[in-house]
Structure formats: structure tokens, C-alpha cells
Amino acid sequence: MHGRIVHGERTTLGVLELDPGSIVPEHQHEPEQLGMCLAGSLQFRVGEETRELGPGETWSIPSNVPHEVHVGPEGAVVIDVFAPTREDWREAPTADSRAPRWPGSDPAGV
């Protein structure tokens, strides 16, 4: 996973690039999470509900609800918003020189 993350006073925004076939293991966190799939596909489980998601589809995860993600064969690019901020992401590295993989970007970096 590669993320570009920005923190405000009360929210965290992340654009995450997930590798094909990767898994985000079950976890939970205090911040509420809202998200949208920008590219690729995901199998997303929130609590007891599992959904197949593609570009333009969204999710909402209440505080402290267990969830996990299985990324499709082409990978995925998602945007996540957390409120309050994800304090555990404060130490995450900022965007590097890697070219973005989201729609409209040039993956060759040209």
C-alpha cells in the first residue's frame, strides 16, 4: 500500500494505492471512516456486511466497527476520510516521487 496523507485539525484525508490481490487485515479504530473507490475493485467487509465495490462506490464505517479489505486483481485506488484525525497515521511518510496511479494520472510519470 502507498498513501498520500494530509491531516487537518479534525480530519485526516488519505489517497491510498492498494496492490493487486493485497489484503488489509481486519482492524478497527476510533475515527469514523468514509471512503470512495476511484479505480480498481475491492471486496469490503464492514461488520457483518460484505460488498464488492468498484469505481465511484462508497463506504461508511462507524467508530470501532471491525472491517477488512481484499483488493481485486487489478489493484485499487481509494480515498478515505477519517474524523477525528488518525493520530496513528501522523508518523506516516508523506508523498514521495512515485507517480500516482489514480485516474487521469500518467503512471509513467511523463
PDB file of N, CA and C in Angstrom:
ATOM      1  N   MET A   1       0.849  -1.168   0.000  1.00  0.00           N
ATOM      2  CA  MET A   1       0.000   0.000   0.000  1.00  0.00           C
ATOM      3  C   MET A   1       0.897   1.234   0.000  1.00  0.00           C
ATOM      4  N   HIS A   2       0.488   2.222  -0.767  1.00  0.00           N
ATOM      5  CA  HIS A   2       1.190   3.503  -0.824  1.00  0.00           C
ATOM      6  C   HIS A   2       0.157   4.587  -0.571  1.00  0.00           C
ATOM      7  N   GLY A   3       0.419   5.493   0.351  1.00  0.00           N
ATOM      8  CA  GLY A   3      -0.563   6.505   0.690  1.00  0.00           C
ATOM      9  C   GLY A   3      -0.032   7.915   0.601  1.00  0.00           C
ATOM     10  N   ARG A   4      -0.915   8.807   0.208  1.00  0.00           N
ATOM     11  CA  ARG A   4      -0.663  10.240   0.269  1.00  0.00           C
ATOM     12  C   ARG A   4      -1.657  10.754   1.303  1.00  0.00           C
ATOM     13  N   ILE A   5      -1.148  11.303   2.402  1.00  0.00           N
ATOM     14  CA  ILE A   5      -1.978  11.609   3.568  1.00  0.00           C
ATOM     15  C   ILE A   5      -1.801  13.065   3.961  1.00  0.00           C
ATOM     16  N   VAL A   6      -2.913  13.699   4.317  1.00  0.00           N
ATOM     17  CA  VAL A   6      -2.870  15.059   4.830  1.00  0.00           C
ATOM     18  C   VAL A   6      -3.788  15.126   6.053  1.00  0.00           C
ATOM     19  N   HIS A   7      -3.332  15.851   7.076  1.00  0.00           N
ATOM     20  CA  HIS A   7      -4.075  15.987   8.326  1.00  0.00           C
ATOM     21  C   HIS A   7      -4.550  17.419   8.489  1.00  0.00           C
ATOM     22  N   GLY A   8      -5.798  17.574   8.887  1.00  0.00           N
ATOM     23  CA  GLY A   8      -6.320  18.856   9.314  1.00  0.00           C
ATOM     24  C   GLY A   8      -6.418  18.854  10.828  1.00  0.00           C
ATOM     25  N   GLU A   9      -7.091  19.831  11.376  1.00  0.00           N
ATOM     26  CA  GLU A   9      -7.267  19.869  12.828  1.00  0.00           C
ATOM     27  C   GLU A   9      -8.176  18.760  13.317  1.00  0.00           C
ATOM     28  N   ARG A  10      -9.197  18.401  12.519  1.00  0.00           N
ATOM     29  CA  ARG A  10     -10.183  17.416  12.962  1.00  0.00           C
ATOM     30  C   ARG A  10     -10.406  16.261  12.003  1.00  0.00           C
ATOM     31  N   THR A  11      -9.732  16.265  10.847  1.00  0.00           N
ATOM     32  CA  THR A  11      -9.919  15.198   9.862  1.00  0.00           C
ATOM     33  C   THR A  11      -8.584  14.768   9.276  1.00  0.00           C
ATOM     34  N   THR A  12      -8.571  13.538   8.768  1.00  0.00           N
ATOM     35  CA  THR A  12      -7.441  13.012   8.009  1.00  0.00           C
ATOM     36  C   THR A  12      -7.966  12.573   6.660  1.00  0.00           C
ATOM     37  N   LEU A  13      -7.254  12.930   5.598  1.00  0.00           N
ATOM     38  CA  LEU A  13      -7.589  12.537   4.236  1.00  0.00           C
ATOM     39  C   LEU A  13      -6.452  11.691   3.704  1.00  0.00           C
ATOM     40  N   GLY A  14      -6.788  10.555   3.105  1.00  0.00           N
ATOM     41  CA  GLY A  14      -5.767   9.710   2.503  1.00  0.00           C
ATOM     42  C   GLY A  14      -6.192   9.242   1.124  1.00  0.00           C
ATOM     43  N   VAL A  15      -5.275   9.300   0.167  1.00  0.00           N
ATOM     44  CA  VAL A  15      -5.458   8.656  -1.131  1.00  0.00           C
ATOM     45  C   VAL A  15      -4.515   7.471  -1.098  1.00  0.00           C
ATOM     46  N   LEU A  16      -5.094   6.271  -1.149  1.00  0.00           N
ATOM     47  CA  LEU A  16      -4.317   5.044  -0.962  1.00  0.00           C
ATOM     48  C   LEU A  16      -4.305   4.220  -2.240  1.00  0.00           C
ATOM     49  N   GLU A  17      -3.125   3.758  -2.616  1.00  0.00           N
ATOM     50  CA  GLU A  17      -2.948   2.877  -3.761  1.00  0.00           C
ATOM     51  C   GLU A  17      -2.679   1.486  -3.220  1.00  0.00           C
ATOM     52  N   LEU A  18      -3.587   0.558  -3.520  1.00  0.00           N
ATOM     53  CA  LEU A  18      -3.514  -0.802  -2.985  1.00  0.00           C
ATOM     54  C   LEU A  18      -3.080  -1.763  -4.084  1.00  0.00           C
ATOM     55  N   ASP A  19      -2.103  -2.590  -3.801  1.00  0.00           N
ATOM     56  CA  ASP A  19      -1.569  -3.520  -4.787  1.00  0.00           C
ATOM     57  C   ASP A  19      -2.550  -4.647  -5.096  1.00  0.00           C
ATOM     58  N   PRO A  20      -2.492  -5.176  -6.339  1.00  0.00           N
ATOM     59  CA  PRO A  20      -3.384  -6.270  -6.724  1.00  0.00           C
ATOM     60  C   PRO A  20      -3.302  -7.435  -5.745  1.00  0.00           C
ATOM     61  N   GLY A  21      -4.477  -7.956  -5.369  1.00  0.00           N
ATOM     62  CA  GLY A  21      -4.552  -9.129  -4.505  1.00  0.00           C
ATOM     63  C   GLY A  21      -4.156  -8.901  -3.058  1.00  0.00           C
ATOM     64  N   SER A  22      -3.858  -7.673  -2.677  1.00  0.00           N
ATOM     65  CA  SER A  22      -3.442  -7.434  -1.296  1.00  0.00           C
ATOM     66  C   SER A  22      -4.642  -7.484  -0.351  1.00  0.00           C
ATOM     67  N   ILE A  23      -4.343  -7.617   0.927  1.00  0.00           N
ATOM     68  CA  ILE A  23      -5.373  -7.703   1.961  1.00  0.00           C
ATOM     69  C   ILE A  23      -5.043  -6.699   3.060  1.00  0.00           C
ATOM     70  N   VAL A  24      -6.057  -5.934   3.444  1.00  0.00           N
ATOM     71  CA  VAL A  24      -5.960  -5.096   4.638  1.00  0.00           C
ATOM     72  C   VAL A  24      -6.651  -5.910   5.728  1.00  0.00           C
ATOM     73  N   PRO A  25      -5.905  -6.501   6.659  1.00  0.00           N
ATOM     74  CA  PRO A  25      -6.490  -7.407   7.645  1.00  0.00           C
ATOM     75  C   PRO A  25      -7.537  -6.712   8.517  1.00  0.00           C
ATOM     76  N   GLU A  26      -8.399  -7.524   9.107  1.00  0.00           N
ATOM     77  CA  GLU A  26      -9.425  -6.970   9.984  1.00  0.00           C
ATOM     78  C   GLU A  26      -8.792  -6.078  11.049  1.00  0.00           C
ATOM     79  N   HIS A  27      -9.405  -4.920  11.231  1.00  0.00           N
ATOM     80  CA  HIS A  27      -8.963  -3.972  12.252  1.00  0.00           C
ATOM     81  C   HIS A  27     -10.134  -3.054  12.572  1.00  0.00           C
ATOM     82  N   GLN A  28      -9.960  -2.216  13.547  1.00  0.00           N
ATOM     83  CA  GLN A  28     -10.958  -1.207  13.896  1.00  0.00           C
ATOM     84  C   GLN A  28     -10.233  -0.021  14.500  1.00  0.00           C
ATOM     85  N   HIS A  29     -10.892   1.127  14.484  1.00  0.00           N
ATOM     86  CA  HIS A  29     -10.283   2.343  15.013  1.00  0.00           C
ATOM     87  C   HIS A  29     -11.374   3.292  15.480  1.00  0.00           C
ATOM     88  N   GLU A  30     -10.982   4.192  16.352  1.00  0.00           N
ATOM     89  CA  GLU A  30     -11.912   5.177  16.907  1.00  0.00           C
ATOM     90  C   GLU A  30     -12.487   6.115  15.850  1.00  0.00           C
ATOM     91  N   PRO A  31     -11.682   6.667  14.925  1.00  0.00           N
ATOM     92  CA  PRO A  31     -12.247   7.602  13.951  1.00  0.00           C
ATOM     93  C   PRO A  31     -13.267   6.933  13.027  1.00  0.00           C
ATOM     94  N   GLU A  32     -14.353   7.661  12.756  1.00  0.00           N
ATOM     95  CA  GLU A  32     -15.304   7.262  11.722  1.00  0.00           C
ATOM     96  C   GLU A  32     -14.573   7.355  10.389  1.00  0.00           C
ATOM     97  N   GLN A  33     -14.937   6.482   9.432  1.00  0.00           N
ATOM     98  CA  GLN A  33     -14.255   6.456   8.139  1.00  0.00           C
ATOM     99  C   GLN A  33     -15.279   6.503   7.018  1.00  0.00           C
ATOM    100  N   LEU A  34     -15.060   7.399   6.067  1.00  0.00           N
ATOM    101  CA  LEU A  34     -15.849   7.471   4.842  1.00  0.00           C
ATOM    102  C   LEU A  34     -14.891   7.287   3.688  1.00  0.00           C
ATOM    103  N   GLY A  35     -15.314   6.579   2.636  1.00  0.00           N
ATOM    104  CA  GLY A  35     -14.399   6.374   1.527  1.00  0.00           C
ATOM    105  C   GLY A  35     -15.093   6.160   0.206  1.00  0.00           C
ATOM    106  N   MET A  36     -14.277   6.242  -0.868  1.00  0.00           N
ATOM    107  CA  MET A  36     -14.752   6.011  -2.223  1.00  0.00           C
ATOM    108  C   MET A  36     -13.652   5.308  -3.011  1.00  0.00           C
ATOM    109  N   CYS A  37     -14.056   4.346  -3.815  1.00  0.00           N
ATOM    110  CA  CYS A  37     -13.139   3.675  -4.736  1.00  0.00           C
ATOM    111  C   CYS A  37     -13.008   4.560  -5.976  1.00  0.00           C
ATOM    112  N   LEU A  38     -11.780   4.929  -6.315  1.00  0.00           N
ATOM    113  CA  LEU A  38     -11.527   5.745  -7.504  1.00  0.00           C
ATOM    114  C   LEU A  38     -11.201   4.891  -8.718  1.00  0.00           C
ATOM    115  N   ALA A  39     -10.532   3.760  -8.504  1.00  0.00           N
ATOM    116  CA  ALA A  39     -10.137   2.877  -9.601  1.00  0.00           C
ATOM    117  C   ALA A  39      -9.958   1.468  -9.042  1.00  0.00           C
ATOM    118  N   GLY A  40     -10.152   0.467  -9.894  1.00  0.00           N
ATOM    119  CA  GLY A  40      -9.963  -0.918  -9.484  1.00  0.00           C
ATOM    120  C   GLY A  40     -11.182  -1.478  -8.780  1.00  0.00           C
ATOM    121  N   SER A  41     -10.951  -2.500  -7.947  1.00  0.00           N
ATOM    122  CA  SER A  41     -12.061  -3.154  -7.250  1.00  0.00           C
ATOM    123  C   SER A  41     -11.613  -3.656  -5.885  1.00  0.00           C
ATOM    124  N   LEU A  42     -12.617  -3.790  -5.008  1.00  0.00           N
ATOM    125  CA  LEU A  42     -12.385  -4.222  -3.627  1.00  0.00           C
ATOM    126  C   LEU A  42     -13.523  -5.115  -3.180  1.00  0.00           C
ATOM    127  N   GLN A  43     -13.219  -6.044  -2.308  1.00  0.00           N
ATOM    128  CA  GLN A  43     -14.248  -6.717  -1.524  1.00  0.00           C
ATOM    129  C   GLN A  43     -14.083  -6.157  -0.119  1.00  0.00           C
ATOM    130  N   PHE A  44     -15.097  -5.441   0.345  1.00  0.00           N
ATOM    131  CA  PHE A  44     -15.009  -4.681   1.582  1.00  0.00           C
ATOM    132  C   PHE A  44     -15.993  -5.273   2.576  1.00  0.00           C
ATOM    133  N   ARG A  45     -15.503  -5.682   3.748  1.00  0.00           N
ATOM    134  CA  ARG A  45     -16.390  -6.162   4.817  1.00  0.00           C
ATOM    135  C   ARG A  45     -16.375  -5.147   5.945  1.00  0.00           C
ATOM    136  N   VAL A  46     -17.575  -4.694   6.300  1.00  0.00           N
ATOM    137  CA  VAL A  46     -17.768  -3.785   7.427  1.00  0.00           C
ATOM    138  C   VAL A  46     -18.736  -4.479   8.374  1.00  0.00           C
ATOM    139  N   GLY A  47     -18.265  -4.806   9.570  1.00  0.00           N
ATOM    140  CA  GLY A  47     -19.099  -5.570  10.498  1.00  0.00           C
ATOM    141  C   GLY A  47     -19.423  -6.920   9.887  1.00  0.00           C
ATOM    142  N   GLU A  48     -20.701  -7.204   9.704  1.00  0.00           N
ATOM    143  CA  GLU A  48     -21.144  -8.482   9.118  1.00  0.00           C
ATOM    144  C   GLU A  48     -21.483  -8.360   7.641  1.00  0.00           C
ATOM    145  N   GLU A  49     -21.408  -7.158   7.052  1.00  0.00           N
ATOM    146  CA  GLU A  49     -21.795  -6.936   5.658  1.00  0.00           C
ATOM    147  C   GLU A  49     -20.572  -6.916   4.753  1.00  0.00           C
ATOM    148  N   THR A  50     -20.631  -7.708   3.658  1.00  0.00           N
ATOM    149  CA  THR A  50     -19.561  -7.729   2.662  1.00  0.00           C
ATOM    150  C   THR A  50     -20.121  -7.224   1.340  1.00  0.00           C
ATOM    151  N   ARG A  51     -19.369  -6.321   0.693  1.00  0.00           N
ATOM    152  CA  ARG A  51     -19.793  -5.755  -0.590  1.00  0.00           C
ATOM    153  C   ARG A  51     -18.629  -5.747  -1.568  1.00  0.00           C
ATOM    154  N   GLU A  52     -18.957  -5.951  -2.842  1.00  0.00           N
ATOM    155  CA  GLU A  52     -17.999  -5.778  -3.933  1.00  0.00           C
ATOM    156  C   GLU A  52     -18.117  -4.332  -4.388  1.00  0.00           C
ATOM    157  N   LEU A  53     -16.993  -3.629  -4.448  1.00  0.00           N
ATOM    158  CA  LEU A  53     -17.009  -2.210  -4.779  1.00  0.00           C
ATOM    159  C   LEU A  53     -16.099  -1.919  -5.961  1.00  0.00           C
ATOM    160  N   GLY A  54     -16.552  -1.006  -6.816  1.00  0.00           N
ATOM    161  CA  GLY A  54     -15.772  -0.560  -7.958  1.00  0.00           C
ATOM    162  C   GLY A  54     -15.743   0.954  -7.994  1.00  0.00           C
ATOM    163  N   PRO A  55     -15.209   1.529  -9.066  1.00  0.00           N
ATOM    164  CA  PRO A  55     -15.076   2.977  -9.171  1.00  0.00           C
ATOM    165  C   PRO A  55     -16.394   3.719  -8.911  1.00  0.00           C
ATOM    166  N   GLY A  56     -16.311   4.725  -8.054  1.00  0.00           N
ATOM    167  CA  GLY A  56     -17.461   5.550  -7.718  1.00  0.00           C
ATOM    168  C   GLY A  56     -18.278   5.044  -6.549  1.00  0.00           C
ATOM    169  N   GLU A  57     -18.034   3.811  -6.095  1.00  0.00           N
ATOM    170  CA  GLU A  57     -18.805   3.272  -4.974  1.00  0.00           C
ATOM    171  C   GLU A  57     -18.164   3.684  -3.652  1.00  0.00           C
ATOM    172  N   THR A  58     -19.000   3.786  -2.635  1.00  0.00           N
ATOM    173  CA  THR A  58     -18.592   4.380  -1.359  1.00  0.00           C
ATOM    174  C   THR A  58     -18.823   3.442  -0.186  1.00  0.00           C
ATOM    175  N   TRP A  59     -18.225   3.805   0.965  1.00  0.00           N
ATOM    176  CA  TRP A  59     -18.439   3.089   2.213  1.00  0.00           C
ATOM    177  C   TRP A  59     -18.457   4.069   3.373  1.00  0.00           C
ATOM    178  N   SER A  60     -19.071   3.614   4.450  1.00  0.00           N
ATOM    179  CA  SER A  60     -19.118   4.370   5.696  1.00  0.00           C
ATOM    180  C   SER A  60     -18.891   3.383   6.821  1.00  0.00           C
ATOM    181  N   ILE A  61     -17.910   3.662   7.665  1.00  0.00           N
ATOM    182  CA  ILE A  61     -17.561   2.761   8.761  1.00  0.00           C
ATOM    183  C   ILE A  61     -17.679   3.528  10.068  1.00  0.00           C
ATOM    184  N   PRO A  62     -18.653   3.162  10.895  1.00  0.00           N
ATOM    185  CA  PRO A  62     -18.774   3.834  12.195  1.00  0.00           C
ATOM    186  C   PRO A  62     -17.556   3.554  13.080  1.00  0.00           C
ATOM    187  N   SER A  63     -17.397   4.353  14.080  1.00  0.00           N
ATOM    188  CA  SER A  63     -16.314   4.207  15.042  1.00  0.00           C
ATOM    189  C   SER A  63     -16.281   2.804  15.642  1.00  0.00           C
ATOM    190  N   ASN A  64     -15.093   2.224  15.703  1.00  0.00           N
ATOM    191  CA  ASN A  64     -14.823   0.939  16.362  1.00  0.00           C
ATOM    192  C   ASN A  64     -15.534  -0.268  15.777  1.00  0.00           C
ATOM    193  N   VAL A  65     -15.947  -0.212  14.515  1.00  0.00           N
ATOM    194  CA  VAL A  65     -16.560  -1.371  13.858  1.00  0.00           C
ATOM    195  C   VAL A  65     -15.461  -2.119  13.098  1.00  0.00           C
ATOM    196  N   PRO A  66     -15.311  -3.430  13.336  1.00  0.00           N
ATOM    197  CA  PRO A  66     -14.290  -4.203  12.623  1.00  0.00           C
ATOM    198  C   PRO A  66     -14.555  -4.216  11.113  1.00  0.00           C
ATOM    199  N   HIS A  67     -13.470  -4.128  10.327  1.00  0.00           N
ATOM    200  CA  HIS A  67     -13.594  -4.159   8.876  1.00  0.00           C
ATOM    201  C   HIS A  67     -12.294  -4.677   8.269  1.00  0.00           C
ATOM    202  N   GLU A  68     -12.416  -5.187   7.022  1.00  0.00           N
ATOM    203  CA  GLU A  68     -11.257  -5.677   6.283  1.00  0.00           C
ATOM    204  C   GLU A  68     -11.505  -5.496   4.796  1.00  0.00           C
ATOM    205  N   VAL A  69     -10.412  -5.539   4.015  1.00  0.00           N
ATOM    206  CA  VAL A  69     -10.494  -5.311   2.578  1.00  0.00           C
ATOM    207  C   VAL A  69      -9.654  -6.354   1.851  1.00  0.00           C
ATOM    208  N   HIS A  70     -10.221  -6.897   0.773  1.00  0.00           N
ATOM    209  CA  HIS A  70      -9.489  -7.749  -0.160  1.00  0.00           C
ATOM    210  C   HIS A  70      -9.489  -7.012  -1.497  1.00  0.00           C
ATOM    211  N   VAL A  71      -8.301  -6.730  -2.007  1.00  0.00           N
ATOM    212  CA  VAL A  71      -8.159  -5.935  -3.230  1.00  0.00           C
ATOM    213  C   VAL A  71      -8.254  -6.847  -4.441  1.00  0.00           C
ATOM    214  N   GLY A  72      -8.923  -6.341  -5.485  1.00  0.00           N
ATOM    215  CA  GLY A  72      -9.105  -7.106  -6.718  1.00  0.00           C
ATOM    216  C   GLY A  72      -7.819  -7.307  -7.492  1.00  0.00           C
ATOM    217  N   PRO A  73      -7.903  -8.079  -8.600  1.00  0.00           N
ATOM    218  CA  PRO A  73      -6.711  -8.458  -9.363  1.00  0.00           C
ATOM    219  C   PRO A  73      -5.996  -7.302 -10.062  1.00  0.00           C
ATOM    220  N   GLU A  74      -6.677  -6.171 -10.247  1.00  0.00           N
ATOM    221  CA  GLU A  74      -6.029  -5.031 -10.898  1.00  0.00           C
ATOM    222  C   GLU A  74      -5.567  -3.977  -9.905  1.00  0.00           C
ATOM    223  N   GLY A  75      -5.708  -4.270  -8.601  1.00  0.00           N
ATOM    224  CA  GLY A  75      -5.367  -3.291  -7.586  1.00  0.00           C
ATOM    225  C   GLY A  75      -6.500  -2.301  -7.412  1.00  0.00           C
ATOM    226  N   ALA A  76      -6.272  -1.270  -6.616  1.00  0.00           N
ATOM    227  CA  ALA A  76      -7.302  -0.251  -6.391  1.00  0.00           C
ATOM    228  C   ALA A  76      -6.665   1.034  -5.913  1.00  0.00           C
ATOM    229  N   VAL A  77      -7.363   2.123  -6.190  1.00  0.00           N
ATOM    230  CA  VAL A  77      -7.026   3.427  -5.644  1.00  0.00           C
ATOM    231  C   VAL A  77      -8.274   3.913  -4.926  1.00  0.00           C
ATOM    232  N   VAL A  78      -8.110   4.290  -3.659  1.00  0.00           N
ATOM    233  CA  VAL A  78      -9.255   4.725  -2.857  1.00  0.00           C
ATOM    234  C   VAL A  78      -8.937   6.044  -2.166  1.00  0.00           C
ATOM    235  N   ILE A  79      -9.992   6.745  -1.805  1.00  0.00           N
ATOM    236  CA  ILE A  79      -9.847   7.939  -0.981  1.00  0.00           C
ATOM    237  C   ILE A  79     -10.589   7.672   0.321  1.00  0.00           C
ATOM    238  N   ASP A  80      -9.944   7.962   1.441  1.00  0.00           N
ATOM    239  CA  ASP A  80     -10.535   7.767   2.774  1.00  0.00           C
ATOM    240  C   ASP A  80     -10.474   9.068   3.551  1.00  0.00           C
ATOM    241  N   VAL A  81     -11.537   9.332   4.296  1.00  0.00           N
ATOM    242  CA  VAL A  81     -11.595  10.482   5.186  1.00  0.00           C
ATOM    243  C   VAL A  81     -11.924   9.961   6.581  1.00  0.00           C
ATOM    244  N   PHE A  82     -11.183  10.424   7.582  1.00  0.00           N
ATOM    245  CA  PHE A  82     -11.366   9.983   8.962  1.00  0.00           C
ATOM    246  C   PHE A  82     -11.640  11.193   9.852  1.00  0.00           C
ATOM    247  N   ALA A  83     -12.603  11.027  10.759  1.00  0.00           N
ATOM    248  CA  ALA A  83     -12.883  12.069  11.751  1.00  0.00           C
ATOM    249  C   ALA A  83     -13.200  11.397  13.077  1.00  0.00           C
ATOM    250  N   PRO A  84     -12.535  11.788  14.161  1.00  0.00           N
ATOM    251  CA  PRO A  84     -11.427  12.746  14.202  1.00  0.00           C
ATOM    252  C   PRO A  84     -10.201  12.187  13.489  1.00  0.00           C
ATOM    253  N   THR A  85      -9.122  12.925  13.510  1.00  0.00           N
ATOM    254  CA  THR A  85      -7.914  12.547  12.780  1.00  0.00           C
ATOM    255  C   THR A  85      -7.406  11.165  13.187  1.00  0.00           C
ATOM    256  N   ARG A  86      -6.678  10.522  12.246  1.00  0.00           N
ATOM    257  CA  ARG A  86      -5.999   9.257  12.523  1.00  0.00           C
ATOM    258  C   ARG A  86      -4.645   9.591  13.116  1.00  0.00           C
ATOM    259  N   GLU A  87      -4.596   9.713  14.424  1.00  0.00           N
ATOM    260  CA  GLU A  87      -3.345  10.065  15.092  1.00  0.00           C
ATOM    261  C   GLU A  87      -2.254   9.034  14.820  1.00  0.00           C
ATOM    262  N   ASP A  88      -2.649   7.756  14.624  1.00  0.00           N
ATOM    263  CA  ASP A  88      -1.657   6.721  14.342  1.00  0.00           C
ATOM    264  C   ASP A  88      -1.049   6.871  12.948  1.00  0.00           C
ATOM    265  N   TRP A  89      -1.608   7.727  12.118  1.00  0.00           N
ATOM    266  CA  TRP A  89      -1.055   7.997  10.790  1.00  0.00           C
ATOM    267  C   TRP A  89      -0.199   9.257  10.774  1.00  0.00           C
ATOM    268  N   ARG A  90      -0.057   9.928  11.892  1.00  0.00           N
ATOM    269  CA  ARG A  90       0.730  11.169  11.933  1.00  0.00           C
ATOM    270  C   ARG A  90       2.185  10.930  11.543  1.00  0.00           C
ATOM    271  N   GLU A  91       2.705   9.756  11.857  1.00  0.00           N
ATOM    272  CA  GLU A  91       4.096   9.444  11.560  1.00  0.00           C
ATOM    273  C   GLU A  91       4.272   8.823  10.183  1.00  0.00           C
ATOM    274  N   ALA A  92       3.175   8.650   9.445  1.00  0.00           N
ATOM    275  CA  ALA A  92       3.267   8.049   8.112  1.00  0.00           C
ATOM    276  C   ALA A  92       4.060   8.968   7.192  1.00  0.00           C
ATOM    277  N   PRO A  93       4.865   8.390   6.301  1.00  0.00           N
ATOM    278  CA  PRO A  93       5.645   9.234   5.393  1.00  0.00           C
ATOM    279  C   PRO A  93       4.729  10.020   4.460  1.00  0.00           C
ATOM    280  N   THR A  94       5.168  11.194   4.055  1.00  0.00           N
ATOM    281  CA  THR A  94       4.414  11.990   3.100  1.00  0.00           C
ATOM    282  C   THR A  94       4.665  11.469   1.695  1.00  0.00           C
ATOM    283  N   ALA A  95       3.905  11.988   0.744  1.00  0.00           N
ATOM    284  CA  ALA A  95       4.035  11.532  -0.644  1.00  0.00           C
ATOM    285  C   ALA A  95       5.475  11.677  -1.115  1.00  0.00           C
ATOM    286  N   ASP A  96       5.936  10.668  -1.828  1.00  0.00           N
ATOM    287  CA  ASP A  96       7.295  10.731  -2.373  1.00  0.00           C
ATOM    288  C   ASP A  96       7.217  10.968  -3.878  1.00  0.00           C
ATOM    289  N   SER A  97       8.267  10.677  -4.575  1.00  0.00           N
ATOM    290  CA  SER A  97       8.321  10.958  -6.003  1.00  0.00           C
ATOM    291  C   SER A  97       7.609   9.909  -6.852  1.00  0.00           C
ATOM    292  N   ARG A  98       7.048   8.884  -6.233  1.00  0.00           N
ATOM    293  CA  ARG A  98       6.329   7.860  -7.001  1.00  0.00           C
ATOM    294  C   ARG A  98       5.148   8.499  -7.731  1.00  0.00           C
ATOM    295  N   ALA A  99       5.000   8.200  -9.003  1.00  0.00           N
ATOM    296  CA  ALA A  99       3.896   8.751  -9.793  1.00  0.00           C
ATOM    297  C   ALA A  99       2.574   8.168  -9.299  1.00  0.00           C
ATOM    298  N   PRO A 100       1.532   8.980  -9.191  1.00  0.00           N
ATOM    299  CA  PRO A 100       0.240   8.476  -8.743  1.00  0.00           C
ATOM    300  C   PRO A 100      -0.372   7.514  -9.751  1.00  0.00           C
ATOM    301  N   ARG A 101      -1.235   6.595  -9.248  1.00  0.00           N
ATOM    302  CA  ARG A 101      -1.898   5.611 -10.105  1.00  0.00           C
ATOM    303  C   ARG A 101      -3.391   5.905 -10.251  1.00  0.00           C
ATOM    304  N   TRP A 102      -3.857   7.058  -9.819  1.00  0.00           N
ATOM    305  CA  TRP A 102      -5.292   7.287  -9.900  1.00  0.00           C
ATOM    306  C   TRP A 102      -5.696   7.749 -11.300  1.00  0.00           C
ATOM    307  N   PRO A 103      -7.011   7.693 -11.580  1.00  0.00           N
ATOM    308  CA  PRO A 103      -7.498   8.037 -12.929  1.00  0.00           C
ATOM    309  C   PRO A 103      -7.028   9.416 -13.385  1.00  0.00           C
ATOM    310  N   GLY A 104      -6.586   9.476 -14.639  1.00  0.00           N
ATOM    311  CA  GLY A 104      -6.123  10.738 -15.194  1.00  0.00           C
ATOM    312  C   GLY A 104      -4.645  11.005 -14.982  1.00  0.00           C
ATOM    313  N   SER A 105      -3.999  10.204 -14.125  1.00  0.00           N
ATOM    314  CA  SER A 105      -2.562  10.393 -13.902  1.00  0.00           C
ATOM    315  C   SER A 105      -1.806   9.583 -14.956  1.00  0.00           C
ATOM    316  N   ASP A 106      -0.578   9.948 -15.157  1.00  0.00           N
ATOM    317  CA  ASP A 106       0.276   9.233 -16.101  1.00  0.00           C
ATOM    318  C   ASP A 106       1.186   8.320 -15.289  1.00  0.00           C
ATOM    319  N   PRO A 107       0.901   6.984 -15.243  1.00  0.00           N
ATOM    320  CA  PRO A 107       1.707   6.093 -14.420  1.00  0.00           C
ATOM    321  C   PRO A 107       3.186   6.047 -14.825  1.00  0.00           C
ATOM    322  N   ALA A 108       3.499   6.483 -16.039  1.00  0.00           N
ATOM    323  CA  ALA A 108       4.905   6.510 -16.457  1.00  0.00           C
ATOM    324  C   ALA A 108       5.622   7.734 -15.901  1.00  0.00           C
ATOM    325  N   GLY A 109       4.869   8.669 -15.318  1.00  0.00           N
ATOM    326  CA  GLY A 109       5.479   9.846 -14.735  1.00  0.00           C
ATOM    327  C   GLY A 109       5.947  10.866 -15.763  1.00  0.00           C
ATOM    328  N   VAL A 110       5.438  10.759 -16.995  1.00  0.00           N
ATOM    329  CA  VAL A 110       5.855  11.670 -18.067  1.00  0.00           C
ATOM    330  C   VAL A 110       5.005  12.918 -18.066  1.00  0.00           C
TER     331      VAL A 110
END
